Every structure is written in C-alpha cells, then in structure tokens.
C-alpha atoms as a PDB file:
ATOM      1  CA  MET A   1      -0.027  -0.032  -0.189  1.00  0.00           C
ATOM      2  CA  GLY A   2       2.795   2.396   0.693  1.00  0.00           C
ATOM      3  CA  LYS A   3       4.695   1.570  -2.438  1.00  0.00           C
ATOM      4  CA  ALA A   4       1.398   2.274  -4.271  1.00  0.00           C
ATOM      5  CA  ILE A   5       1.161   5.514  -2.676  1.00  0.00           C
ATOM      6  CA  ILE A   6       4.689   6.503  -3.222  1.00  0.00           C
ATOM      7  CA  GLY A   7       4.371   5.414  -6.900  1.00  0.00           C
ATOM      8  CA  VAL A   8       1.250   7.887  -7.354  1.00  0.00           C
ATOM      9  CA  CYS A   9       3.112  10.500  -5.493  1.00  0.00           C
ATOM     10  CA  ALA A  10       5.968  10.317  -7.777  1.00  0.00           C
ATOM     11  CA  VAL A  11       3.664  10.242 -10.997  1.00  0.00           C
ATOM     12  CA  ILE A  12       1.920  13.417  -9.319  1.00  0.00           C
ATOM     13  CA  LEU A  13       5.737  15.246  -8.922  1.00  0.00           C
ATOM     14  CA  VAL A  14       6.658  14.395 -12.501  1.00  0.00           C
ATOM     15  CA  ALA A  15       3.431  15.698 -13.791  1.00  0.00           C
ATOM     16  CA  MET A  16       3.787  19.105 -11.796  1.00  0.00           C
ATOM     17  CA  VAL A  17       7.063  19.234 -13.484  1.00  0.00           C
ATOM     18  CA  VAL A  18       6.024  19.159 -16.682  1.00  0.00           C
ATOM     19  CA  ALA A  19       3.612  21.334 -16.243  1.00  0.00           C
ATOM     20  CA  VAL A  20       6.102  23.968 -14.480  1.00  0.00           C
ATOM     21  CA  ALA A  21       8.248  23.639 -17.778  1.00  0.00           C
ATOM     22  CA  VAL A  22       5.639  24.352 -20.339  1.00  0.00           C
ATOM     23  CA  GLY A  23       4.715  27.115 -17.713  1.00  0.00           C
ATOM     24  CA  VAL A  24       8.172  28.035 -18.360  1.00  0.00           C
ATOM     25  CA  THR A  25       8.384  27.848 -21.877  1.00  0.00           C
ATOM     26  CA  ARG A  26       5.312  29.558 -22.701  1.00  0.00           C
ATOM     27  CA  SER A  27       6.358  32.768 -20.488  1.00  0.00           C
ATOM     28  CA  ARG A  28       9.506  33.146 -21.932  1.00  0.00           C
ATOM     29  CA  SER A  29       8.261  33.145 -25.364  1.00  0.00           C
ATOM     30  CA  GLY A  30       4.990  34.547 -24.729  1.00  0.00           C
ATOM     31  CA  ARG A  31       3.290  32.502 -27.258  1.00  0.00           C
ATOM     32  CA  SER A  32       1.451  29.079 -27.634  1.00  0.00           C
ATOM     33  CA  GLU A  33       2.780  26.433 -30.134  1.00  0.00           C
ATOM     34  CA  GLY A  34      -0.519  27.770 -31.995  1.00  0.00           C
ATOM     35  CA  GLU A  35       0.527  31.211 -32.043  1.00  0.00           C
ATOM     36  CA  LEU A  36       4.011  30.328 -33.087  1.00  0.00           C
ATOM     37  CA  GLU A  37       2.681  28.196 -36.101  1.00  0.00           C
ATOM     38  CA  ALA A  38       0.272  31.129 -37.196  1.00  0.00           C
ATOM     39  CA  SER A  39       3.426  33.547 -37.119  1.00  0.00           C
ATOM     40  CA  LYS A  40       5.517  31.523 -39.177  1.00  0.00           C
ATOM     41  CA  LYS A  41       2.544  31.027 -41.482  1.00  0.00           C
ATOM     42  CA  ALA A  42       2.060  35.181 -41.600  1.00  0.00           C
ATOM     43  CA  VAL A  43       5.487  35.374 -42.235  1.00  0.00           C
ATOM     44  CA  LYS A  44       5.225  32.884 -45.514  1.00  0.00           C
ATOM     45  CA  THR A  45       2.351  34.687 -46.939  1.00  0.00           C
ATOM     46  CA  ILE A  46       4.098  38.265 -46.516  1.00  0.00           C
ATOM     47  CA  CYS A  47       6.991  37.104 -47.795  1.00  0.00           C
ATOM     48  CA  GLN A  48       5.199  35.432 -50.641  1.00  0.00           C
ATOM     49  CA  PRO A  49       5.358  38.274 -53.378  1.00  0.00           C
ATOM     50  CA  THR A  50       9.222  38.856 -52.582  1.00  0.00           C
ATOM     51  CA  HIS A  51      12.199  38.202 -54.631  1.00  0.00           C
ATOM     52  CA  TYR A  52      14.405  36.961 -51.934  1.00  0.00           C
ATOM     53  CA  LYS A  53      12.072  34.763 -50.301  1.00  0.00           C
ATOM     54  CA  GLU A  54      14.801  32.956 -47.861  1.00  0.00           C
ATOM     55  CA  GLU A  55      16.124  35.987 -46.892  1.00  0.00           C
ATOM     56  CA  CYS A  56      12.792  37.632 -46.351  1.00  0.00           C
ATOM     57  CA  GLU A  57      11.637  34.580 -43.833  1.00  0.00           C
ATOM     58  CA  LYS A  58      15.115  34.565 -41.902  1.00  0.00           C
ATOM     59  CA  SER A  59      14.700  38.480 -41.568  1.00  0.00           C
ATOM     60  CA  LEU A  60      11.405  37.888 -39.912  1.00  0.00           C
ATOM     61  CA  ALA A  61      11.858  35.023 -38.213  1.00  0.00           C
ATOM     62  CA  GLY A  62      11.938  36.799 -34.627  1.00  0.00           C
ATOM     63  CA  SER A  63       9.065  38.492 -35.277  1.00  0.00           C
ATOM     64  CA  ASN A  64       6.481  36.488 -33.631  1.00  0.00           C
ATOM     65  CA  THR A  65       3.303  38.545 -34.676  1.00  0.00           C
ATOM     66  CA  THR A  66       0.640  37.595 -37.472  1.00  0.00           C
ATOM     67  CA  ASP A  67      -0.135  41.219 -38.273  1.00  0.00           C
ATOM     68  CA  PRO A  68       1.013  42.196 -41.887  1.00  0.00           C
ATOM     69  CA  LYS A  69       1.748  45.735 -40.759  1.00  0.00           C
ATOM     70  CA  GLU A  70       4.131  44.762 -37.772  1.00  0.00           C
ATOM     71  CA  LEU A  71       6.184  42.243 -40.265  1.00  0.00           C
ATOM     72  CA  ILE A  72       6.341  44.599 -42.943  1.00  0.00           C
ATOM     73  CA  LYS A  73       8.070  47.251 -40.374  1.00  0.00           C
ATOM     74  CA  ALA A  74      10.312  44.506 -39.335  1.00  0.00           C
ATOM     75  CA  GLY A  75      11.292  43.940 -42.655  1.00  0.00           C
ATOM     76  CA  LEU A  76      12.332  47.422 -42.919  1.00  0.00           C
ATOM     77  CA  GLN A  77      13.799  47.589 -39.797  1.00  0.00           C
ATOM     78  CA  ALA A  78      16.107  44.233 -40.940  1.00  0.00           C
ATOM     79  CA  ALA A  79      17.057  46.536 -44.112  1.00  0.00           C
ATOM     80  CA  ILE A  80      18.248  49.354 -41.820  1.00  0.00           C
ATOM     81  CA  ARG A  81      20.307  47.065 -39.476  1.00  0.00           C
ATOM     82  CA  GLU A  82      22.067  45.829 -42.646  1.00  0.00           C
ATOM     83  CA  ILE A  83      22.633  49.135 -44.654  1.00  0.00           C
ATOM     84  CA  GLU A  84      24.068  50.282 -41.195  1.00  0.00           C
ATOM     85  CA  LYS A  85      26.549  46.989 -41.213  1.00  0.00           C
ATOM     86  CA  VAL A  86      27.983  48.068 -44.264  1.00  0.00           C
ATOM     87  CA  ALA A  87      28.354  51.632 -43.470  1.00  0.00           C
ATOM     88  CA  SER A  88      30.461  50.311 -40.465  1.00  0.00           C
ATOM     89  CA  ASN A  89      32.243  47.870 -42.962  1.00  0.00           C
ATOM     90  CA  PHE A  90      33.583  50.684 -44.936  1.00  0.00           C
ATOM     91  CA  ASP A  91      37.124  50.491 -43.510  1.00  0.00           C
ATOM     92  CA  THR A  92      37.588  47.065 -45.208  1.00  0.00           C
ATOM     93  CA  ILE A  93      37.190  48.670 -48.271  1.00  0.00           C
ATOM     94  CA  GLU A  94      39.736  51.386 -47.719  1.00  0.00           C
ATOM     95  CA  ASP A  95      42.984  49.352 -48.576  1.00  0.00           C
ATOM     96  CA  ALA A  96      41.323  48.456 -51.949  1.00  0.00           C
ATOM     97  CA  ALA A  97      40.285  51.609 -52.785  1.00  0.00           C
ATOM     98  CA  LYS A  98      43.671  52.834 -54.199  1.00  0.00           C
ATOM     99  CA  ASP A  99      42.842  54.480 -57.253  1.00  0.00           C
ATOM    100  CA  PRO A 100      41.675  58.035 -57.493  1.00  0.00           C
ATOM    101  CA  ARG A 101      38.006  56.693 -58.889  1.00  0.00           C
ATOM    102  CA  SER A 102      37.803  54.047 -56.332  1.00  0.00           C
ATOM    103  CA  ARG A 103      38.249  56.732 -53.607  1.00  0.00           C
ATOM    104  CA  TYR A 104      35.753  58.935 -54.983  1.00  0.00           C
ATOM    105  CA  ALA A 105      33.286  55.907 -55.236  1.00  0.00           C
ATOM    106  CA  LEU A 106      33.676  54.888 -51.546  1.00  0.00           C
ATOM    107  CA  ASP A 107      33.172  58.447 -50.331  1.00  0.00           C
ATOM    108  CA  ASP A 108      29.858  58.551 -52.255  1.00  0.00           C
ATOM    109  CA  CYS A 109      28.834  55.661 -50.757  1.00  0.00           C
ATOM    110  CA  LYS A 110      29.479  56.776 -47.213  1.00  0.00           C
ATOM    111  CA  GLU A 111      26.897  59.614 -47.900  1.00  0.00           C
ATOM    112  CA  LEU A 112      24.582  57.706 -50.215  1.00  0.00           C
ATOM    113  CA  MET A 113      24.293  54.858 -47.203  1.00  0.00           C
ATOM    114  CA  GLY A 114      22.849  57.598 -44.780  1.00  0.00           C
ATOM    115  CA  TYR A 115      20.445  58.439 -47.628  1.00  0.00           C
ATOM    116  CA  SER A 116      19.391  55.266 -48.001  1.00  0.00           C
ATOM    117  CA  ILE A 117      18.689  54.656 -44.408  1.00  0.00           C
ATOM    118  CA  ASN A 118      16.572  58.057 -44.194  1.00  0.00           C
ATOM    119  CA  ASP A 119      14.535  57.000 -46.894  1.00  0.00           C
ATOM    120  CA  LEU A 120      13.576  53.501 -44.998  1.00  0.00           C
ATOM    121  CA  LYS A 121      13.233  55.475 -41.851  1.00  0.00           C
ATOM    122  CA  LYS A 122      10.285  57.597 -43.344  1.00  0.00           C
ATOM    123  CA  SER A 123       8.742  54.310 -45.047  1.00  0.00           C
ATOM    124  CA  LEU A 124       8.995  53.706 -41.081  1.00  0.00           C
ATOM    125  CA  ASN A 125       7.369  56.986 -39.720  1.00  0.00           C
ATOM    126  CA  GLN A 126       4.648  56.490 -42.518  1.00  0.00           C
ATOM    127  CA  LEU A 127       3.749  52.789 -41.048  1.00  0.00           C
ATOM    128  CA  ASN A 128       3.393  54.210 -37.654  1.00  0.00           C
ATOM    129  CA  SER A 129       1.675  57.286 -39.083  1.00  0.00           C
ATOM    130  CA  SER A 130      -2.423  57.802 -38.612  1.00  0.00           C
ATOM    131  CA  GLY A 131      -2.424  60.967 -40.798  1.00  0.00           C
ATOM    132  CA  VAL A 132      -2.974  59.515 -44.068  1.00  0.00           C
ATOM    133  CA  SER A 133      -6.574  58.657 -44.848  1.00  0.00           C
ATOM    134  CA  ARG A 134      -6.069  57.527 -48.511  1.00  0.00           C
ATOM    135  CA  LEU A 135      -4.705  54.309 -49.048  1.00  0.00           C
ATOM    136  CA  ASP A 136      -3.189  55.421 -52.525  1.00  0.00           C
ATOM    137  CA  VAL A 137      -1.422  58.204 -51.030  1.00  0.00           C
ATOM    138  CA  TYR A 138      -0.121  56.217 -48.207  1.00  0.00           C
ATOM    139  CA  VAL A 139       1.153  53.551 -50.516  1.00  0.00           C
ATOM    140  CA  GLU A 140       2.739  55.499 -52.792  1.00  0.00           C
ATOM    141  CA  ASN A 141       4.964  57.454 -50.461  1.00  0.00           C
ATOM    142  CA  LEU A 142       5.947  54.012 -49.389  1.00  0.00           C
ATOM    143  CA  ARG A 143       7.261  53.150 -52.819  1.00  0.00           C
ATOM    144  CA  ILE A 144       8.916  56.386 -53.296  1.00  0.00           C
ATOM    145  CA  TRP A 145      10.625  56.020 -50.171  1.00  0.00           C
ATOM    146  CA  MET A 146      11.460  52.574 -50.664  1.00  0.00           C
ATOM    147  CA  GLY A 147      12.347  52.919 -54.255  1.00  0.00           C
ATOM    148  CA  GLY A 148      14.665  55.729 -53.315  1.00  0.00           C
ATOM    149  CA  SER A 149      16.547  53.631 -50.701  1.00  0.00           C
ATOM    150  CA  ILE A 150      17.161  51.183 -53.212  1.00  0.00           C
ATOM    151  CA  THR A 151      18.361  53.417 -55.993  1.00  0.00           C
ATOM    152  CA  PHE A 152      21.115  55.072 -53.517  1.00  0.00           C
ATOM    153  CA  GLN A 153      22.425  51.449 -52.748  1.00  0.00           C
ATOM    154  CA  GLN A 154      22.471  51.071 -56.739  1.00  0.00           C
ATOM    155  CA  THR A 155      24.211  54.236 -57.370  1.00  0.00           C
ATOM    156  CA  CYS A 156      27.056  53.681 -54.696  1.00  0.00           C
ATOM    157  CA  LEU A 157      27.529  50.215 -56.909  1.00  0.00           C
ATOM    158  CA  TYR A 158      27.957  52.239 -60.087  1.00  0.00           C
ATOM    159  CA  GLY A 159      30.521  54.536 -58.853  1.00  0.00           C
ATOM    160  CA  PHE A 160      32.998  51.569 -58.929  1.00  0.00           C
ATOM    161  CA  GLU A 161      32.100  50.476 -62.485  1.00  0.00           C
ATOM    162  CA  ASN A 162      35.340  52.296 -64.087  1.00  0.00           C
ATOM    163  CA  ALA A 163      37.118  51.684 -60.552  1.00  0.00           C
ATOM    164  CA  SER A 164      39.227  48.917 -58.872  1.00  0.00           C
ATOM    165  CA  THR A 165      37.769  45.683 -59.656  1.00  0.00           C
ATOM    166  CA  GLU A 166      38.801  44.526 -55.969  1.00  0.00           C
ATOM    167  CA  ALA A 167      37.134  47.658 -54.499  1.00  0.00           C
ATOM    168  CA  GLY A 168      34.224  47.443 -56.571  1.00  0.00           C
ATOM    169  CA  GLU A 169      33.560  43.393 -55.832  1.00  0.00           C
ATOM    170  CA  LYS A 170      34.063  43.873 -52.046  1.00  0.00           C
ATOM    171  CA  MET A 171      31.513  46.618 -51.901  1.00  0.00           C
ATOM    172  CA  ARG A 172      28.958  44.457 -54.060  1.00  0.00           C
ATOM    173  CA  LYS A 173      29.578  41.588 -51.206  1.00  0.00           C
ATOM    174  CA  LEU A 174      28.683  43.999 -48.654  1.00  0.00           C
ATOM    175  CA  LEU A 175      25.393  45.414 -50.161  1.00  0.00           C
ATOM    176  CA  ASN A 176      24.182  42.112 -51.388  1.00  0.00           C
ATOM    177  CA  THR A 177      22.096  41.335 -48.544  1.00  0.00           C
ATOM    178  CA  SER A 178      20.908  45.070 -47.529  1.00  0.00           C
ATOM    179  CA  GLN A 179      19.770  45.214 -51.317  1.00  0.00           C
ATOM    180  CA  MET A 180      18.153  41.913 -51.352  1.00  0.00           C
ATOM    181  CA  LEU A 181      16.268  43.291 -48.060  1.00  0.00           C
ATOM    182  CA  THR A 182      15.214  46.647 -49.481  1.00  0.00           C
ATOM    183  CA  SER A 183      13.696  44.893 -52.371  1.00  0.00           C
ATOM    184  CA  ASN A 184      11.449  42.821 -50.327  1.00  0.00           C
ATOM    185  CA  GLY A 185      10.408  45.574 -48.096  1.00  0.00           C
ATOM    186  CA  LEU A 186       9.537  47.312 -51.368  1.00  0.00           C
ATOM    187  CA  ASN A 187       7.580  44.333 -52.647  1.00  0.00           C
ATOM    188  CA  MET A 188       5.779  43.602 -49.243  1.00  0.00           C
ATOM    189  CA  VAL A 189       4.643  47.445 -49.508  1.00  0.00           C
ATOM    190  CA  SER A 190       3.300  47.160 -53.207  1.00  0.00           C
ATOM    191  CA  VAL A 191       0.775  44.422 -51.802  1.00  0.00           C
ATOM    192  CA  ILE A 192      -0.704  46.531 -48.998  1.00  0.00           C
ATOM    193  CA  PRO A 193      -3.756  46.996 -51.114  1.00  0.00           C
ATOM    194  CA  GLU A 194      -4.207  43.585 -51.659  1.00  0.00           C
ATOM    195  CA  LEU A 195      -3.631  42.837 -47.839  1.00  0.00           C
ATOM    196  CA  ILE A 196      -5.709  45.702 -46.732  1.00  0.00           C
ATOM    197  CA  ARG A 197      -8.437  43.223 -45.350  1.00  0.00           C
ATOM    198  CA  ASP A 198      -6.541  41.676 -43.091  1.00  0.00           C
ATOM    199  CA  LEU A 199      -4.443  44.928 -41.983  1.00  0.00           C
ATOM    200  CA  ASN A 200      -4.933  47.310 -39.201  1.00  0.00           C
ATOM    201  CA  PHE A 201      -4.819  50.622 -40.687  1.00  0.00           C
ATOM    202  CA  PRO A 202      -7.766  52.602 -39.144  1.00  0.00           C
ATOM    203  CA  GLY A 203      -8.929  55.346 -41.268  1.00  0.00           C
ATOM    204  CA  LEU A 204      -7.267  54.263 -44.612  1.00  0.00           C
ATOM    205  CA  THR A 205      -9.598  54.244 -47.666  1.00  0.00           C
ATOM    206  CA  ARG A 206      -9.380  53.383 -51.378  1.00  0.00           C
ATOM    207  CA  ALA A 207      -9.039  55.973 -53.879  1.00  0.00           C
ATOM    208  CA  GLY A 208     -12.095  56.112 -56.096  1.00  0.00           C
ATOM    209  CA  GLY A 209     -10.182  56.334 -59.012  1.00  0.00           C
ATOM    210  CA  GLY A 210      -7.591  53.633 -59.152  1.00  0.00           C
ATOM    211  CA  THR A 211      -4.155  54.657 -59.460  1.00  0.00           C
ATOM    212  CA  ARG A 212      -2.936  58.164 -57.474  1.00  0.00           C
ATOM    213  CA  LYS A 213      -2.464  60.672 -60.591  1.00  0.00           C
ATOM    214  CA  LEU A 214       0.840  62.397 -59.825  1.00  0.00           C
ATOM    215  CA  LEU A 215      -0.155  65.568 -61.690  1.00  0.00           C
ATOM    216  CA  ALA A 216      -3.143  67.952 -60.530  1.00  0.00           C
ATOM    217  CA  LYS A 217      -4.742  69.767 -63.123  1.00  0.00           C
ATOM    218  CA  ASP A 218      -2.822  72.800 -62.931  1.00  0.00           C
ATOM    219  CA  GLY A 219       0.244  70.912 -63.691  1.00  0.00           C
ATOM    220  CA  PHE A 220       2.020  70.437 -60.054  1.00  0.00           C
ATOM    221  CA  PRO A 221       2.247  67.291 -58.306  1.00  0.00           C
ATOM    222  CA  SER A 222      -0.758  66.612 -56.288  1.00  0.00           C
ATOM    223  CA  TRP A 223       1.492  66.270 -52.984  1.00  0.00           C
ATOM    224  CA  VAL A 224       2.146  70.264 -53.648  1.00  0.00           C
ATOM    225  CA  SER A 225      -0.525  71.929 -51.116  1.00  0.00           C
ATOM    226  CA  PHE A 226      -2.654  74.786 -52.552  1.00  0.00           C
ATOM    227  CA  ARG A 227      -0.753  77.354 -50.544  1.00  0.00           C
ATOM    228  CA  GLN A 228       2.483  76.236 -52.233  1.00  0.00           C
ATOM    229  CA  ARG A 229       1.183  76.013 -55.592  1.00  0.00           C
ATOM    230  CA  MET A 230       0.156  80.037 -54.903  1.00  0.00           C
ATOM    231  CA  LEU A 231       3.407  80.637 -53.857  1.00  0.00           C
ATOM    232  CA  LEU A 232       4.855  79.464 -57.113  1.00  0.00           C
ATOM    233  CA  GLN A 233       2.582  80.970 -59.354  1.00  0.00           C
ATOM    234  CA  GLN A 234       3.096  84.144 -57.381  1.00  0.00           C
ATOM    235  CA  ASN A 235       6.679  86.224 -56.848  1.00  0.00           C
ATOM    236  CA  PRO A 236       6.969  85.627 -53.299  1.00  0.00           C
ATOM    237  CA  SER A 237       9.196  87.561 -51.274  1.00  0.00           C
ATOM    238  CA  PRO A 238      12.634  85.647 -50.834  1.00  0.00           C
ATOM    239  CA  ASN A 239      14.086  84.526 -47.314  1.00  0.00           C
ATOM    240  CA  VAL A 240      17.468  84.924 -48.735  1.00  0.00           C
ATOM    241  CA  VAL A 241      19.056  87.029 -52.114  1.00  0.00           C
ATOM    242  CA  VAL A 242      22.293  85.463 -53.819  1.00  0.00           C
ATOM    243  CA  ALA A 243      23.625  87.952 -56.336  1.00  0.00           C
ATOM    244  CA  LYS A 244      27.252  87.645 -57.964  1.00  0.00           C
ATOM    245  CA  ASP A 245      27.737  91.778 -57.954  1.00  0.00           C
ATOM    246  CA  GLY A 246      27.102  91.846 -54.245  1.00  0.00           C
ATOM    247  CA  SER A 247      23.820  93.269 -53.953  1.00  0.00           C
ATOM    248  CA  GLY A 248      22.400  90.067 -52.391  1.00  0.00           C
ATOM    249  CA  LYS A 249      23.060  88.713 -48.982  1.00  0.00           C
ATOM    250  CA  TYR A 250      25.398  86.638 -50.163  1.00  0.00           C
ATOM    251  CA  THR A 251      27.283  85.987 -53.641  1.00  0.00           C
ATOM    252  CA  SER A 252      27.482  82.072 -53.317  1.00  0.00           C
ATOM    253  CA  ILE A 253      24.117  79.857 -53.450  1.00  0.00           C
ATOM    254  CA  ASN A 254      25.781  77.566 -51.143  1.00  0.00           C
ATOM    255  CA  GLN A 255      26.458  80.218 -48.531  1.00  0.00           C
ATOM    256  CA  ALA A 256      22.726  80.732 -48.804  1.00  0.00           C
ATOM    257  CA  LEU A 257      21.788  77.469 -48.103  1.00  0.00           C
ATOM    258  CA  LYS A 258      23.409  77.414 -44.803  1.00  0.00           C
ATOM    259  CA  ASP A 259      20.693  79.736 -43.490  1.00  0.00           C
ATOM    260  CA  VAL A 260      18.113  77.317 -44.316  1.00  0.00           C
ATOM    261  CA  PRO A 261      16.533  75.881 -40.614  1.00  0.00           C
ATOM    262  CA  ASN A 262      16.921  72.379 -39.881  1.00  0.00           C
ATOM    263  CA  LYS A 263      14.150  70.443 -40.957  1.00  0.00           C
ATOM    264  CA  ASN A 264      12.305  73.633 -42.451  1.00  0.00           C
ATOM    265  CA  ALA A 265       8.480  73.062 -42.205  1.00  0.00           C
ATOM    266  CA  SER A 266       7.368  75.890 -44.599  1.00  0.00           C
ATOM    267  CA  PRO A 267       9.051  77.116 -48.136  1.00  0.00           C
ATOM    268  CA  PHE A 268      12.301  78.783 -48.110  1.00  0.00           C
ATOM    269  CA  VAL A 269      12.479  80.719 -51.177  1.00  0.00           C
ATOM    270  CA  ILE A 270      16.097  81.675 -51.980  1.00  0.00           C
ATOM    271  CA  TYR A 271      16.195  84.202 -54.964  1.00  0.00           C
ATOM    272  CA  ILE A 272      19.150  83.816 -57.273  1.00  0.00           C
ATOM    273  CA  LYS A 273      20.192  86.993 -59.389  1.00  0.00           C
ATOM    274  CA  ALA A 274      21.497  87.115 -63.011  1.00  0.00           C
ATOM    275  CA  GLY A 275      24.784  85.809 -63.198  1.00  0.00           C
ATOM    276  CA  VAL A 276      27.116  82.578 -63.623  1.00  0.00           C
ATOM    277  CA  TYR A 277      27.621  80.678 -60.452  1.00  0.00           C
ATOM    278  CA  ASN A 278      30.434  78.230 -61.115  1.00  0.00           C
ATOM    279  CA  GLU A 279      29.879  76.217 -57.943  1.00  0.00           C
ATOM    280  CA  ARG A 280      28.144  72.654 -57.218  1.00  0.00           C
ATOM    281  CA  VAL A 281      25.083  73.112 -55.141  1.00  0.00           C
ATOM    282  CA  SER A 282      23.862  70.783 -52.351  1.00  0.00           C
ATOM    283  CA  VAL A 283      20.711  70.506 -50.457  1.00  0.00           C
ATOM    284  CA  ASP A 284      21.031  67.712 -48.022  1.00  0.00           C
ATOM    285  CA  SER A 285      18.263  65.586 -46.711  1.00  0.00           C
ATOM    286  CA  ASN A 286      17.481  68.267 -43.713  1.00  0.00           C
ATOM    287  CA  MET A 287      17.006  70.941 -45.680  1.00  0.00           C
ATOM    288  CA  LEU A 288      13.047  70.678 -46.647  1.00  0.00           C
ATOM    289  CA  ASN A 289      11.044  72.934 -48.577  1.00  0.00           C
ATOM    290  CA  VAL A 290      13.818  74.875 -50.458  1.00  0.00           C
ATOM    291  CA  VAL A 291      12.799  76.901 -53.208  1.00  0.00           C
ATOM    292  CA  PHE A 292      15.182  78.327 -55.819  1.00  0.00           C
ATOM    293  CA  ILE A 293      13.910  81.205 -58.155  1.00  0.00           C
ATOM    294  CA  GLY A 294      16.207  82.915 -60.746  1.00  0.00           C
ATOM    295  CA  ASP A 295      16.092  85.478 -63.475  1.00  0.00           C
ATOM    296  CA  GLY A 296      15.365  83.000 -66.158  1.00  0.00           C
ATOM    297  CA  PRO A 297      16.875  80.126 -67.495  1.00  0.00           C
ATOM    298  CA  THR A 298      19.533  81.906 -69.568  1.00  0.00           C
ATOM    299  CA  LYS A 299      19.982  84.727 -67.091  1.00  0.00           C
ATOM    300  CA  THR A 300      20.552  82.750 -63.753  1.00  0.00           C
ATOM    301  CA  VAL A 301      23.075  79.674 -64.513  1.00  0.00           C
ATOM    302  CA  ILE A 302      24.787  77.519 -62.071  1.00  0.00           C
ATOM    303  CA  ASN A 303      27.826  75.513 -63.932  1.00  0.00           C
ATOM    304  CA  GLY A 304      29.440  73.034 -61.673  1.00  0.00           C
ATOM    305  CA  ASN A 305      32.360  72.550 -64.239  1.00  0.00           C
ATOM    306  CA  VAL A 306      32.752  69.304 -62.982  1.00  0.00           C
ATOM    307  CA  ASN A 307      32.727  66.195 -65.159  1.00  0.00           C
ATOM    308  CA  SER A 308      33.506  62.554 -64.785  1.00  0.00           C
ATOM    309  CA  VAL A 309      36.874  62.675 -66.993  1.00  0.00           C
ATOM    310  CA  ASP A 310      38.645  64.755 -63.831  1.00  0.00           C
ATOM    311  CA  GLY A 311      37.935  61.650 -61.695  1.00  0.00           C
ATOM    312  CA  PRO A 312      34.632  61.826 -59.534  1.00  0.00           C
ATOM    313  CA  THR A 313      31.816  59.437 -60.056  1.00  0.00           C
ATOM    314  CA  THR A 314      28.988  60.219 -62.309  1.00  0.00           C
ATOM    315  CA  TYR A 315      26.863  60.883 -59.119  1.00  0.00           C
ATOM    316  CA  GLY A 316      29.863  63.529 -57.864  1.00  0.00           C
ATOM    317  CA  THR A 317      29.313  65.454 -61.053  1.00  0.00           C
ATOM    318  CA  ALA A 318      25.766  66.708 -60.361  1.00  0.00           C
ATOM    319  CA  THR A 319      25.609  70.431 -60.710  1.00  0.00           C
ATOM    320  CA  VAL A 320      22.685  70.587 -58.026  1.00  0.00           C
ATOM    321  CA  GLY A 321      21.922  67.790 -55.984  1.00  0.00           C
END
C-alpha cells in the first residue's frame, strides 16, 4: 500500500514538473505553440510576393506576430540594420580603394548609405503614422521612399564601374544582403492594397479612381499644397537673396543654403539674381521645402564645371543635387 502511494506521488510530482516546464516555456516566449505556428504562416504569406523569399523569412523569423503591418515594419528594420552594418565595414574597402576613382566612389557610398537609411526610416514613420487617410497616397509614399533607398544603394555600386575591380567587388558583397532586404520591403509594401482587409490601418480608404495621379489639373504634383502652388505662381518675397554683384546677402548659393532651418516646415525661398554661379550646389536631406527662383534660364546659370573625366563618379558631377 505504501509503495502504491509513493508511486502515485511520484507520478503527480513528474506531472507537476512537466506543467511547470511548459509554463516556463510559454512565459519566456509569451506565445503558445499554436500562436508560433500562426506567426510562421503569416511570415510565409507576407514573404510570398518578394524576390528573395529565403532572406525575407530569415529576417522576420523572430517577429512573433501575425499582423502584416508589424511584419512589414520588421522587414524595414532588418534592412536598416543591414545597411548600418555595411556603413560600419567601409574600412575593409579603404585598402582596396587605391586608385582615385575608387576613393571617389567610396566617399559617395558613405553619403549615399545615409540617404538610403533615411528613406527607410521615412517609410517606418509612415507605417507608424495615422495622419494619412487615403490608401493610394499611403502606398505611393512608401513606394517612393523604398525605391529611393534601393536607388541610393545601386548608385553607390555604379560609382565603382570604372574603378578598381577589387574595391567594387568588395562593395557588391557588402551590399548584397541589404539590397535583397530593401527589395523585399518594396515588394511587401506594394501588396498592401491586396492585404488591406487583414491590415490594421484605421481610417485608410481606397481611392475612387484607381491609381494615384501624380499631376493635378494645374500641372503641379498632387503633393504640392494649395498654398505652395499659390507661392510658386506668384512672385514671393525671398528669404535670402544671392547676387554675384554683391547686392544680395550672399554671392554664393551654397552660402545661402546655410540659412535654411533644419527640417524647415514652410517654403524657404532663395532668389538667385542673374549671373553665372560656378559652384556645385548641394541640398542635403535636412533642408526641406527649399525653393530656388532665378531671373530666367539664360540669365541665372549654375555651372558646376565638373565631369567624370576629371576623376569624380557620375553621381559626384551633379551641378545641383
């Protein structure tokens, strides 16, 4: 009888240990086996339209969610991390970039990776925002930024086309995964209209006329506000005047750009008087809503006087960029 009682107690004790172990497993992951399976299925579904499904599923493996919106965000975050990893490994290319063209290309890449990350972050902010009510505008913005991020990475590689083979090959290997993940992000974003019934995007509505029209009736892009259109159609008072003859605040356009407030929210008008300005004008990503107004195409001339024959990459020869 005593042995029987001991045996029963042992069985109960083992059952309690198993129950505790199961409880610990659930508390650590926070999800049951069924929920984890549902999450895996959601990952496969969201990765279905991508060109690089294996990389997509790997990047989302730890997401533990069935919400397509959260999965897309996780995909963008994975792409950002990968580009940041690329930027942190530029020193591995420094030794290979011995010729002038490779050094120019590497310098361009350092700048371009920052722009690529910024566009992905804009996409993340859009996904977190509740300020957009129309689905077509929402998706179009995401496509523009995601496409921009891909373009910046590709432009980086273009710079090595006529440069050292070794340096270019190293850069291609560094950017391989980030390009795949960014491409996957664009593919996932592009199917949002098809997933809209399952997505938790409160307030989003479909456009009545199908795809978004980029040009309004008056010839301006639809994202240009009525106030901005009025500004461009009139002769606005400039914030800064640039003049070669010294009659303005500055004689250089780049000097005038230093007056643009960081992430400026309203149009900042720079009036460039007649003259030939031999400079490369660089408007960085923090200079928002900058408006250049000149005295006409044959009177106000900006000439960077730089070409790729002199050494810089094609990206580095832009007169205004």
